[in-house]
Amino acid sequence: MPAKAPATATSPLAARLLGDLVGIVGAENVLHDREELLVYECDGFTINKKVPDVVVFPTSTEQVVAIVKLCNRLDVPFVPRGAGTSLAGGTLAVGGGVMICLTRMNRILEVNTRDRYAIVEPGVVNVWLTRALTGRGFHYAPDPSSQTACTIGGNVATNSGGPHTLKYGVTVNHVRGVRLVLPDGTVADVGGVTADPPGYDLAGLVVGSEGTFGVVTRVTVGLTRDPEAGRTLLGVFDSVEAATETVSGIIAAGIVPAALEMLDNLMIRAVEQAFGFGFPTDAGAVLIIEVDGLDVGLDREARDIARIVEARGGRVERSITWRTRKEPEYVAIWKSRKSAFGAIGRLSPTFCTQDGVVPRTRLPDILRFIEGVSRRHGIRIANVFHAGDGNIHPILLFDEADAAQVASVLQASHEILDECIRLGGSVTGEHGIGVEKMALMPRLFAPEDLAAMVAIRQGLNPDGRCSPSKMLPTGGHCIERSAPGRRSSA
């Protein structure tokens, strides 16, 4: 019997679309009521909102293919989505249409510790894979702060980082292959289980493409051996400047920490109120500094780090020695850091997180600039970020019900990202461009660079139905407006 279209269909096209979607995935895997769809009007970037016409939950590659082909037949735009933790509007349904939510494709299909890889579906939550590896001597290294909620498919879309990627690398360094449903419904397997297959790095091309090349339905990732031991130190400083200078001092000494994270005073107070770890609330800033590897050399590295901290006016207030990442004090300090964004609700009803990058040596400059932006616009800004690789996350606090505050936050955000570019950095380290930062792309890249990117996208997504109006400044943001003298990506 043909599938019956939901009663809320308001046009012949909508009725056909909904009826066919129900036929593909079943009524229980289709949302179409307005109240249900409101949940999907935005991701973690709450300033821009757009309700999709329908949300569909496939459970297999074959269903994704059928959905994509249906959208092509009916000329309906579609956008893939994971857990919605992305912070730049990457999953916004700009043109309405169908949102393909991949959270029910959440199986770990294979784990092979002998060859150090795992094959997972895109809806697998990041931390699930590491939990599944417990006791086997391996883990999945990329660990975004949202790893208890974010999905590996979403991590692939934005090339997510995390605290421990200073030493171990970001998502692209751990993805060996992907299965991709192209915008015309063709299934392409790129890469594979080997660490370095011959030919073009097409898997690397897909990672960070923010869903504009198609829908990822399977990911092959590399696994990392667990370290033998580690030391985690809490460095306490009177000022942000002293903390950021310490970051450069540690790297300059030839030490490559597994993680090197900074929290400023506003963030310290929020986190301490929420989790009670014991962070000193009178400190100007703290650094969480972690080294891992062979146990025999870690005490020496920890002592060297302590000397560098003290030479810049700080002190080491905690030093945690661990053999596994299950030890209570270790779990507590990283729970505090990785749940820091959840603590922001104690400071403000709404916040906007930026994701600029600067050279490590310019961290004092960009943080002084952020402080000035805060004063000029009357906006409180908290800072918690991956200091080791210069990836800043200023968190702008505001009330989205106040239009003037929203305008100020957008202006302040652009000023901060402009300064990141001026200092030799970038407008994103791991959150992506999405819809939030498209207008900034011509300030970062020369017209020739952007034209090359557009050509690649058009080759794979010629009709623009897949994730329309994302990432690249076409349409509303004209590439030709790029000012002369902007640096090339070369």
Protein backbone atom coordinates (compact mmCIF):
# COMPACT_ATOMS: atom_id res chain seq x y z
CA MET A 1 0.00 0.00 0.00
CA PRO A 2 1.39 3.47 -0.88
CA ALA A 3 2.54 5.59 2.05
CA LYS A 4 -0.02 8.12 3.21
CA ALA A 5 1.13 11.73 3.34
CA PRO A 6 0.96 13.40 6.76
CA ALA A 7 -2.15 15.50 7.28
CA THR A 8 -0.17 18.72 7.68
CA ALA A 9 0.95 18.78 4.03
CA THR A 10 -0.31 22.10 2.62
CA SER A 11 0.45 21.70 -1.10
CA PRO A 12 0.65 18.90 -3.66
CA LEU A 13 4.46 19.14 -3.63
CA ALA A 14 4.62 19.00 0.17
CA ALA A 15 2.21 16.09 0.24
CA ARG A 16 4.27 14.16 -2.29
CA LEU A 17 7.55 14.96 -0.51
CA LEU A 18 6.25 13.89 2.89
CA GLY A 19 4.50 10.83 1.56
CA ASP A 20 7.60 9.62 -0.27
CA LEU A 21 9.84 10.30 2.75
CA VAL A 22 7.51 8.21 4.93
CA GLY A 23 7.73 5.51 2.29
CA ILE A 24 11.54 5.55 2.47
CA VAL A 25 12.16 5.64 6.24
CA GLY A 26 8.77 5.06 7.92
CA ALA A 27 6.48 7.54 9.64
CA GLU A 28 8.38 7.19 12.92
CA ASN A 29 11.48 8.65 11.25
CA VAL A 30 9.88 11.80 9.82
CA LEU A 31 9.11 15.03 11.69
CA HIS A 32 6.81 17.57 10.07
CA ASP A 33 4.79 19.31 12.79
CA ARG A 34 5.85 22.90 13.39
CA GLU A 35 6.37 22.36 17.11
CA GLU A 36 8.69 19.42 16.46
CA LEU A 37 10.63 21.25 13.77
CA LEU A 38 11.44 24.20 16.04
CA VAL A 39 14.06 22.03 17.76
CA TYR A 40 15.99 22.03 14.48
CA GLU A 41 15.80 25.75 13.66
CA CYS A 42 19.46 26.32 14.57
CA ASP A 43 22.57 24.65 15.91
CA GLY A 44 24.84 26.04 18.65
CA PHE A 45 24.98 29.35 16.75
CA THR A 46 21.63 30.68 17.91
CA ILE A 47 21.69 34.09 16.26
CA ASN A 48 20.53 32.79 12.86
CA LYS A 49 17.45 30.57 12.73
CA LYS A 50 15.52 28.85 9.96
CA VAL A 51 12.99 26.06 10.43
CA PRO A 52 13.34 23.20 7.92
CA ASP A 53 10.23 21.98 6.12
CA VAL A 54 10.79 18.43 7.26
CA VAL A 55 13.35 16.47 9.30
CA VAL A 56 14.07 12.89 8.31
CA PHE A 57 16.09 10.25 10.20
CA PRO A 58 17.61 7.65 7.88
CA THR A 59 19.16 4.49 9.30
CA SER A 60 21.21 3.33 6.31
CA THR A 61 23.21 4.58 3.34
CA GLU A 62 20.51 3.21 1.04
CA GLN A 63 17.88 5.38 2.72
CA VAL A 64 20.12 8.46 2.43
CA VAL A 65 20.52 7.74 -1.29
CA ALA A 66 16.76 7.49 -1.72
CA ILE A 67 16.19 10.76 0.19
CA VAL A 68 18.78 12.63 -1.87
CA LYS A 69 17.38 11.33 -5.15
CA LEU A 70 13.88 12.33 -4.06
CA CYS A 71 15.06 15.86 -3.26
CA ASN A 72 16.65 16.06 -6.70
CA ARG A 73 13.49 14.90 -8.44
CA LEU A 74 11.39 17.48 -6.61
CA ASP A 75 14.06 20.22 -6.71
CA VAL A 76 14.12 20.52 -2.92
CA PRO A 77 17.24 21.62 -1.00
CA PHE A 78 18.64 19.36 1.71
CA VAL A 79 21.17 19.66 4.51
CA PRO A 80 22.81 16.97 6.68
CA ARG A 81 22.88 17.40 10.45
CA GLY A 82 24.39 15.55 13.38
CA ALA A 83 23.87 16.44 17.03
CA GLY A 84 23.56 20.18 16.35
CA THR A 85 26.50 21.14 18.58
CA SER A 86 28.20 23.04 15.75
CA LEU A 87 28.77 26.72 16.49
CA ALA A 88 28.74 28.54 13.14
CA GLY A 89 25.34 27.73 11.65
CA GLY A 90 26.72 24.88 9.56
CA THR A 91 23.50 22.87 9.85
CA LEU A 92 21.12 25.78 9.31
CA ALA A 93 18.42 24.94 6.76
CA VAL A 94 18.98 28.19 4.86
CA GLY A 95 16.67 27.29 1.98
CA GLY A 96 14.20 25.30 4.05
CA GLY A 97 13.67 21.88 2.50
CA VAL A 98 14.75 18.56 4.01
CA MET A 99 17.07 18.20 6.97
CA ILE A 100 18.75 14.78 6.95
CA CYS A 101 19.47 14.05 10.60
CA LEU A 102 22.02 11.25 10.95
CA THR A 103 21.80 10.60 14.68
CA ARG A 104 20.06 7.24 14.22
CA MET A 105 22.94 5.96 12.11
CA ASN A 106 24.93 5.37 15.27
CA ARG A 107 26.59 1.97 15.07
CA ILE A 108 30.25 1.15 15.58
CA LEU A 109 30.63 -1.28 12.68
CA GLU A 110 34.17 -2.57 13.21
CA VAL A 111 37.08 -2.14 15.60
CA ASN A 112 40.47 -3.47 14.49
CA THR A 113 43.20 -2.76 17.02
CA ARG A 114 45.72 -4.89 15.12
CA ASP A 115 45.61 -2.47 12.19
CA ARG A 116 44.54 0.44 14.39
CA TYR A 117 41.30 1.53 12.78
CA ALA A 118 37.58 1.59 13.43
CA ILE A 119 34.63 1.99 11.07
CA VAL A 120 31.67 3.95 12.42
CA GLU A 121 28.44 5.48 11.22
CA PRO A 122 28.21 9.29 11.34
CA GLY A 123 25.80 9.44 14.28
CA VAL A 124 28.25 7.74 16.67
CA VAL A 125 28.90 10.17 19.52
CA ASN A 126 32.60 10.97 19.76
CA VAL A 127 33.13 9.64 23.27
CA TRP A 128 31.27 6.37 22.53
CA LEU A 129 34.17 5.16 20.44
CA THR A 130 36.77 5.77 23.13
CA ARG A 131 34.49 4.10 25.70
CA ALA A 132 34.14 1.10 23.38
CA LEU A 133 37.94 0.88 23.27
CA THR A 134 38.39 0.90 27.06
CA GLY A 135 40.73 -1.87 28.13
CA ARG A 136 42.09 -2.48 24.63
CA GLY A 137 44.99 -0.04 24.94
CA PHE A 138 43.70 2.39 22.29
CA HIS A 139 41.50 5.46 22.00
CA TYR A 140 40.19 7.88 19.39
CA ALA A 141 42.34 10.97 19.83
CA PRO A 142 40.25 13.97 18.62
CA ASP A 143 38.34 15.11 21.70
CA PRO A 144 36.20 18.24 21.18
CA SER A 145 34.90 19.80 24.37
CA SER A 146 31.43 18.67 23.30
CA GLN A 147 32.62 15.07 22.83
CA THR A 148 29.90 13.65 25.10
CA ALA A 149 27.29 14.99 22.64
CA CYS A 150 28.90 15.74 19.26
CA THR A 151 28.98 13.07 16.55
CA ILE A 152 31.91 11.84 14.51
CA GLY A 153 30.05 12.79 11.33
CA GLY A 154 29.78 16.35 12.59
CA ASN A 155 33.46 16.30 13.57
CA VAL A 156 34.28 15.30 9.99
CA ALA A 157 32.15 18.15 8.62
CA THR A 158 34.02 20.88 10.51
CA ASN A 159 37.40 19.17 11.06
CA SER A 160 36.93 19.45 14.80
CA GLY A 161 39.83 19.81 17.20
CA GLY A 162 39.91 19.64 20.98
CA PRO A 163 42.29 19.98 23.92
CA HIS A 164 44.48 16.99 23.05
CA THR A 165 44.90 17.80 19.37
CA LEU A 166 47.92 19.97 20.18
CA LYS A 167 49.98 16.78 20.23
CA TYR A 168 47.77 14.31 18.41
CA GLY A 169 46.24 16.37 15.60
CA VAL A 170 42.72 17.37 14.53
CA THR A 171 40.05 15.19 12.92
CA VAL A 172 41.59 15.16 9.44
CA ASN A 173 44.75 13.59 10.87
CA HIS A 174 42.70 10.60 12.06
CA VAL A 175 40.23 10.01 9.21
CA ARG A 176 41.36 7.34 6.76
CA GLY A 177 38.27 7.11 4.62
CA VAL A 178 34.62 8.07 4.25
CA ARG A 179 31.55 6.81 2.44
CA LEU A 180 29.87 9.81 0.84
CA VAL A 181 26.47 10.10 -0.79
CA LEU A 182 27.11 12.76 -3.42
CA PRO A 183 24.47 15.43 -4.13
CA ASP A 184 23.19 13.44 -7.15
CA GLY A 185 22.70 10.30 -5.04
CA THR A 186 25.85 8.49 -6.17
CA VAL A 187 27.73 6.61 -3.44
CA ALA A 188 31.49 7.23 -3.34
CA ASP A 189 33.99 5.47 -1.07
CA VAL A 190 37.14 7.56 -0.70
CA GLY A 191 40.22 6.57 1.23
CA GLY A 192 40.19 3.27 3.06
CA VAL A 193 41.55 1.37 6.03
CA THR A 194 45.21 1.96 5.21
CA ALA A 195 46.86 5.00 6.77
CA ASP A 196 48.22 6.51 3.55
CA PRO A 197 46.52 5.21 0.38
CA PRO A 198 48.00 6.25 -2.98
CA GLY A 199 46.49 8.96 -5.13
CA TYR A 200 44.72 12.17 -4.23
CA ASP A 201 43.71 12.69 -0.60
CA LEU A 202 39.99 12.79 -1.30
CA ALA A 203 39.12 11.89 2.28
CA GLY A 204 41.08 14.97 3.36
CA LEU A 205 39.07 17.02 0.88
CA VAL A 206 35.79 15.85 2.41
CA VAL A 207 36.89 16.54 6.00
CA GLY A 208 36.07 20.16 6.75
CA SER A 209 33.77 20.59 3.73
CA GLU A 210 30.83 21.26 6.08
CA GLY A 211 28.34 19.06 4.26
CA THR A 212 28.66 20.94 0.95
CA PHE A 213 30.00 17.91 -0.96
CA GLY A 214 27.36 15.43 0.12
CA VAL A 215 26.24 13.33 3.08
CA VAL A 216 28.79 11.22 4.94
CA THR A 217 27.31 7.86 5.96
CA ARG A 218 30.41 5.96 7.13
CA VAL A 219 33.79 6.99 8.52
CA THR A 220 36.99 4.98 8.89
CA VAL A 221 39.17 6.45 11.63
CA GLY A 222 42.63 5.67 12.93
CA LEU A 223 43.12 4.63 16.53
CA THR A 224 45.85 5.91 18.86
CA ARG A 225 47.66 3.83 21.45
CA ASP A 226 47.00 4.89 25.04
CA PRO A 227 49.97 6.61 26.69
CA GLU A 228 51.76 4.73 29.43
CA ALA A 229 51.26 7.59 31.90
CA GLY A 230 50.82 11.33 32.21
CA ARG A 231 51.17 14.41 34.35
CA THR A 232 48.51 17.15 34.44
CA LEU A 233 49.50 20.46 36.00
CA LEU A 234 47.39 23.46 36.97
CA GLY A 235 49.33 26.68 36.48
CA VAL A 236 47.91 29.74 38.22
CA PHE A 237 48.66 33.33 37.12
CA ASP A 238 47.78 36.84 38.18
CA SER A 239 47.18 37.94 34.59
CA VAL A 240 46.12 36.58 31.22
CA GLU A 241 49.27 38.05 29.69
CA ALA A 242 51.56 36.05 32.00
CA ALA A 243 49.64 32.87 31.18
CA THR A 244 49.87 33.39 27.42
CA GLU A 245 53.58 34.19 27.60
CA THR A 246 54.04 30.91 29.48
CA VAL A 247 52.40 29.05 26.60
CA SER A 248 55.08 30.30 24.19
CA GLY A 249 57.77 29.58 26.77
CA ILE A 250 56.75 25.92 27.10
CA ILE A 251 56.76 25.33 23.35
CA ALA A 252 60.02 27.26 22.91
CA ALA A 253 61.63 24.93 25.46
CA GLY A 254 60.99 22.00 23.11
CA ILE A 255 58.14 20.55 25.16
CA VAL A 256 55.05 19.51 23.20
CA PRO A 257 52.25 18.99 25.74
CA ALA A 258 49.37 16.69 25.01
CA ALA A 259 47.11 19.61 26.00
CA LEU A 260 47.59 23.25 26.94
CA GLU A 261 44.33 25.02 27.83
CA MET A 262 43.62 28.46 29.29
CA LEU A 263 40.70 29.88 31.29
CA ASP A 264 40.43 33.54 32.27
CA ASN A 265 38.96 34.84 35.53
CA LEU A 266 35.36 35.14 34.35
CA MET A 267 35.46 31.58 33.06
CA ILE A 268 37.22 30.29 36.19
CA ARG A 269 34.48 31.68 38.41
CA ALA A 270 31.69 30.15 36.31
CA VAL A 271 33.37 26.74 36.14
CA GLU A 272 34.23 26.69 39.83
CA GLN A 273 30.68 27.60 40.80
CA ALA A 274 29.37 24.81 38.57
CA PHE A 275 31.82 22.01 39.37
CA GLY A 276 33.79 22.93 42.51
CA PHE A 277 37.10 21.48 41.33
CA GLY A 278 39.14 23.95 43.36
CA PHE A 279 40.17 26.51 40.77
CA PRO A 280 41.36 29.70 42.51
CA THR A 281 38.64 32.26 41.76
CA ASP A 282 40.98 35.20 42.42
CA ALA A 283 43.40 34.14 39.65
CA GLY A 284 43.67 36.21 36.49
CA ALA A 285 44.06 33.02 34.45
CA VAL A 286 44.88 29.33 34.77
CA LEU A 287 46.60 26.92 32.41
CA ILE A 288 45.82 23.21 32.32
CA ILE A 289 49.05 21.67 31.07
CA GLU A 290 49.28 17.97 30.29
CA VAL A 291 52.20 15.83 29.15
CA ASP A 292 51.95 12.12 28.44
CA GLY A 293 53.99 9.26 27.07
CA LEU A 294 56.63 7.01 28.62
CA ASP A 295 56.52 7.36 32.38
CA VAL A 296 60.30 7.51 32.74
CA GLY A 297 60.63 11.06 31.35
CA LEU A 298 57.47 12.71 32.61
CA ASP A 299 58.67 13.89 36.02
CA ARG A 300 61.51 15.78 34.35
CA GLU A 301 59.11 17.40 31.86
CA ALA A 302 56.76 18.35 34.69
CA ARG A 303 59.63 19.97 36.61
CA ASP A 304 60.72 21.89 33.49
CA ILE A 305 57.19 23.16 32.99
CA ALA A 306 56.95 24.23 36.64
CA ARG A 307 60.17 26.25 36.26
CA ILE A 308 58.80 27.98 33.14
CA VAL A 309 55.55 28.79 34.96
CA GLU A 310 57.41 30.22 37.96
CA ALA A 311 59.79 32.24 35.76
CA ARG A 312 56.76 34.12 34.42
CA GLY A 313 55.29 34.86 37.82
CA GLY A 314 52.94 31.90 38.10
CA ARG A 315 52.75 28.89 40.34
CA VAL A 316 51.81 25.24 39.90
CA GLU A 317 48.94 24.64 42.28
CA ARG A 318 48.07 21.05 41.34
CA SER A 319 50.12 18.26 39.80
CA ILE A 320 48.21 15.11 38.96
CA THR A 321 50.14 11.91 38.25
CA TRP A 322 48.08 9.35 36.38
CA ARG A 323 48.35 5.96 34.75
CA THR A 324 44.91 5.97 33.19
CA ARG A 325 42.46 8.73 32.36
CA LYS A 326 39.96 7.20 34.78
CA GLU A 327 41.54 8.52 37.98
CA PRO A 328 39.10 10.77 39.91
CA GLU A 329 41.17 13.96 40.08
CA TYR A 330 42.04 13.68 36.39
CA VAL A 331 38.39 13.14 35.47
CA ALA A 332 37.35 16.11 37.62
CA ILE A 333 39.74 18.64 36.08
CA TRP A 334 38.86 17.68 32.52
CA LYS A 335 35.14 17.54 33.27
CA SER A 336 35.47 21.13 34.47
CA ARG A 337 37.30 22.19 31.31
CA LYS A 338 35.18 20.30 28.80
CA SER A 339 31.92 21.32 30.44
CA ALA A 340 32.93 24.97 30.62
CA PHE A 341 30.44 26.01 27.96
CA GLY A 342 27.64 24.48 30.01
CA ALA A 343 28.66 26.69 32.94
CA ILE A 344 28.08 29.84 30.85
CA GLY A 345 24.37 29.67 31.66
CA ARG A 346 25.31 30.95 35.12
CA LEU A 347 26.62 34.14 33.50
CA SER A 348 24.22 34.90 30.66
CA PRO A 349 21.00 33.65 29.04
CA THR A 350 22.69 33.53 25.63
CA PHE A 351 26.25 33.43 24.35
CA CYS A 352 28.13 33.41 21.07
CA THR A 353 31.43 31.53 20.85
CA GLN A 354 34.07 32.64 18.38
CA ASP A 355 36.80 30.44 16.94
CA GLY A 356 39.71 32.51 15.69
CA VAL A 357 43.30 31.39 15.41
CA VAL A 358 46.50 33.41 15.85
CA PRO A 359 50.17 32.44 16.06
CA ARG A 360 50.98 31.40 19.63
CA THR A 361 53.30 34.37 20.11
CA ARG A 362 50.40 36.74 19.30
CA LEU A 363 48.08 35.40 22.02
CA PRO A 364 48.84 38.35 24.36
CA ASP A 365 48.01 40.76 21.51
CA ILE A 366 44.68 39.20 20.59
CA LEU A 367 43.57 38.90 24.22
CA ARG A 368 44.37 42.58 24.83
CA PHE A 369 42.35 43.38 21.72
CA ILE A 370 39.42 41.27 22.98
CA GLU A 371 39.51 43.15 26.27
CA GLY A 372 39.29 46.42 24.34
CA VAL A 373 36.36 45.11 22.27
CA SER A 374 34.59 44.17 25.50
CA ARG A 375 34.99 47.72 26.85
CA ARG A 376 34.01 49.47 23.60
CA HIS A 377 30.83 47.48 23.09
CA GLY A 378 29.89 47.00 26.75
CA ILE A 379 29.86 43.22 26.32
CA ARG A 380 31.21 40.75 28.84
CA ILE A 381 33.59 38.30 27.16
CA ALA A 382 34.87 35.12 28.81
CA ASN A 383 37.83 33.19 27.43
CA VAL A 384 38.47 29.44 27.50
CA PHE A 385 40.53 28.04 24.67
CA HIS A 386 43.20 25.79 23.18
CA ALA A 387 46.15 28.03 24.01
CA GLY A 388 48.77 25.58 22.78
CA ASP A 389 47.82 25.99 19.13
CA GLY A 390 46.58 29.59 19.29
CA ASN A 391 42.94 28.61 18.79
CA ILE A 392 40.97 31.18 20.80
CA HIS A 393 37.34 30.85 21.91
CA PRO A 394 36.13 34.21 23.20
CA ILE A 395 32.59 33.78 24.50
CA LEU A 396 30.44 36.89 24.06
CA LEU A 397 27.62 37.09 26.61
CA PHE A 398 24.32 38.72 25.64
CA ASP A 399 20.54 38.49 25.68
CA GLU A 400 19.17 37.46 22.28
CA ALA A 401 15.84 39.12 23.14
CA ASP A 402 17.61 42.49 22.95
CA ALA A 403 18.16 43.44 19.29
CA ALA A 404 20.76 46.07 20.21
CA GLN A 405 22.82 43.49 22.09
CA VAL A 406 22.62 41.09 19.15
CA ALA A 407 23.89 43.78 16.79
CA SER A 408 26.73 44.63 19.17
CA VAL A 409 27.75 40.99 19.49
CA LEU A 410 27.87 40.54 15.72
CA GLN A 411 29.96 43.68 15.30
CA ALA A 412 32.29 42.70 18.14
CA SER A 413 32.69 39.19 16.70
CA HIS A 414 33.69 40.54 13.31
CA GLU A 415 36.18 42.92 14.88
CA ILE A 416 37.82 40.05 16.78
CA LEU A 417 38.03 37.84 13.71
CA ASP A 418 39.35 40.71 11.59
CA GLU A 419 42.11 41.17 14.14
CA CYS A 420 42.94 37.46 14.00
CA ILE A 421 43.47 37.84 10.25
CA ARG A 422 45.58 40.96 10.75
CA LEU A 423 47.80 39.09 13.21
CA GLY A 424 48.45 36.37 10.66
CA GLY A 425 45.78 33.90 11.75
CA SER A 426 42.42 32.61 10.58
CA VAL A 427 38.71 33.05 11.30
CA THR A 428 38.22 29.43 12.34
CA GLY A 429 40.22 26.62 13.86
CA GLU A 430 37.56 23.93 14.32
CA HIS A 431 34.02 25.34 14.25
CA GLY A 432 33.89 25.95 10.51
CA ILE A 433 32.54 28.84 8.45
CA GLY A 434 28.87 27.84 8.23
CA VAL A 435 26.67 30.87 7.62
CA GLU A 436 28.29 32.96 10.33
CA LYS A 437 31.63 33.77 8.71
CA MET A 438 31.01 33.73 4.96
CA ALA A 439 31.40 37.50 4.68
CA LEU A 440 34.87 37.21 6.22
CA MET A 441 36.20 34.73 3.67
CA PRO A 442 37.22 37.42 1.12
CA ARG A 443 39.24 39.08 3.87
CA LEU A 444 41.14 35.86 4.46
CA PHE A 445 41.55 34.54 0.92
CA ALA A 446 42.37 36.10 -2.43
CA PRO A 447 39.68 35.96 -5.17
CA GLU A 448 41.65 33.26 -6.99
CA ASP A 449 41.63 31.04 -3.92
CA LEU A 450 37.89 31.43 -3.42
CA ALA A 451 37.22 30.82 -7.12
CA ALA A 452 39.14 27.53 -6.89
CA MET A 453 37.07 26.48 -3.88
CA VAL A 454 33.84 27.39 -5.64
CA ALA A 455 34.91 25.38 -8.69
CA ILE A 456 35.50 22.27 -6.55
CA ARG A 457 32.12 22.63 -4.88
CA GLN A 458 30.35 23.16 -8.20
CA GLY A 459 32.04 20.06 -9.59
CA LEU A 460 30.61 17.93 -6.79
CA ASN A 461 27.41 19.89 -6.03
CA PRO A 462 26.54 21.57 -9.36
CA ASP A 463 22.91 22.34 -8.58
CA GLY A 464 23.68 23.70 -5.10
CA ARG A 465 20.87 21.71 -3.46
CA CYS A 466 23.16 20.18 -0.85
CA SER A 467 23.79 22.60 2.05
CA PRO A 468 23.02 25.73 0.02
CA SER A 469 24.41 29.14 1.00
CA LYS A 470 27.11 27.78 3.30
CA MET A 471 30.82 28.29 3.75
CA LEU A 472 31.74 30.15 0.53
CA PRO A 473 30.69 33.77 -0.15
CA THR A 474 28.67 33.28 -3.31
CA GLY A 475 25.34 34.95 -3.95
CA GLY A 476 24.85 37.44 -1.13
CA HIS A 477 28.60 37.78 -0.51
CA CYS A 478 30.41 38.56 -3.76
CA ILE A 479 33.91 37.18 -4.16
CA GLU A 480 34.94 40.13 -6.31
CA ARG A 481 34.63 42.50 -3.35
CA SER A 482 37.87 41.16 -1.88
CA ALA A 483 40.21 44.05 -1.24
CA PRO A 484 43.53 44.01 -3.14
CA GLY A 485 46.49 42.80 -1.17
CA ARG A 486 44.67 40.19 0.86
CA ARG A 487 46.90 37.24 1.47
CA SER A 488 46.56 34.12 -0.64
CA SER A 489 46.08 30.70 0.89
CA ALA A 490 49.31 29.60 -0.76
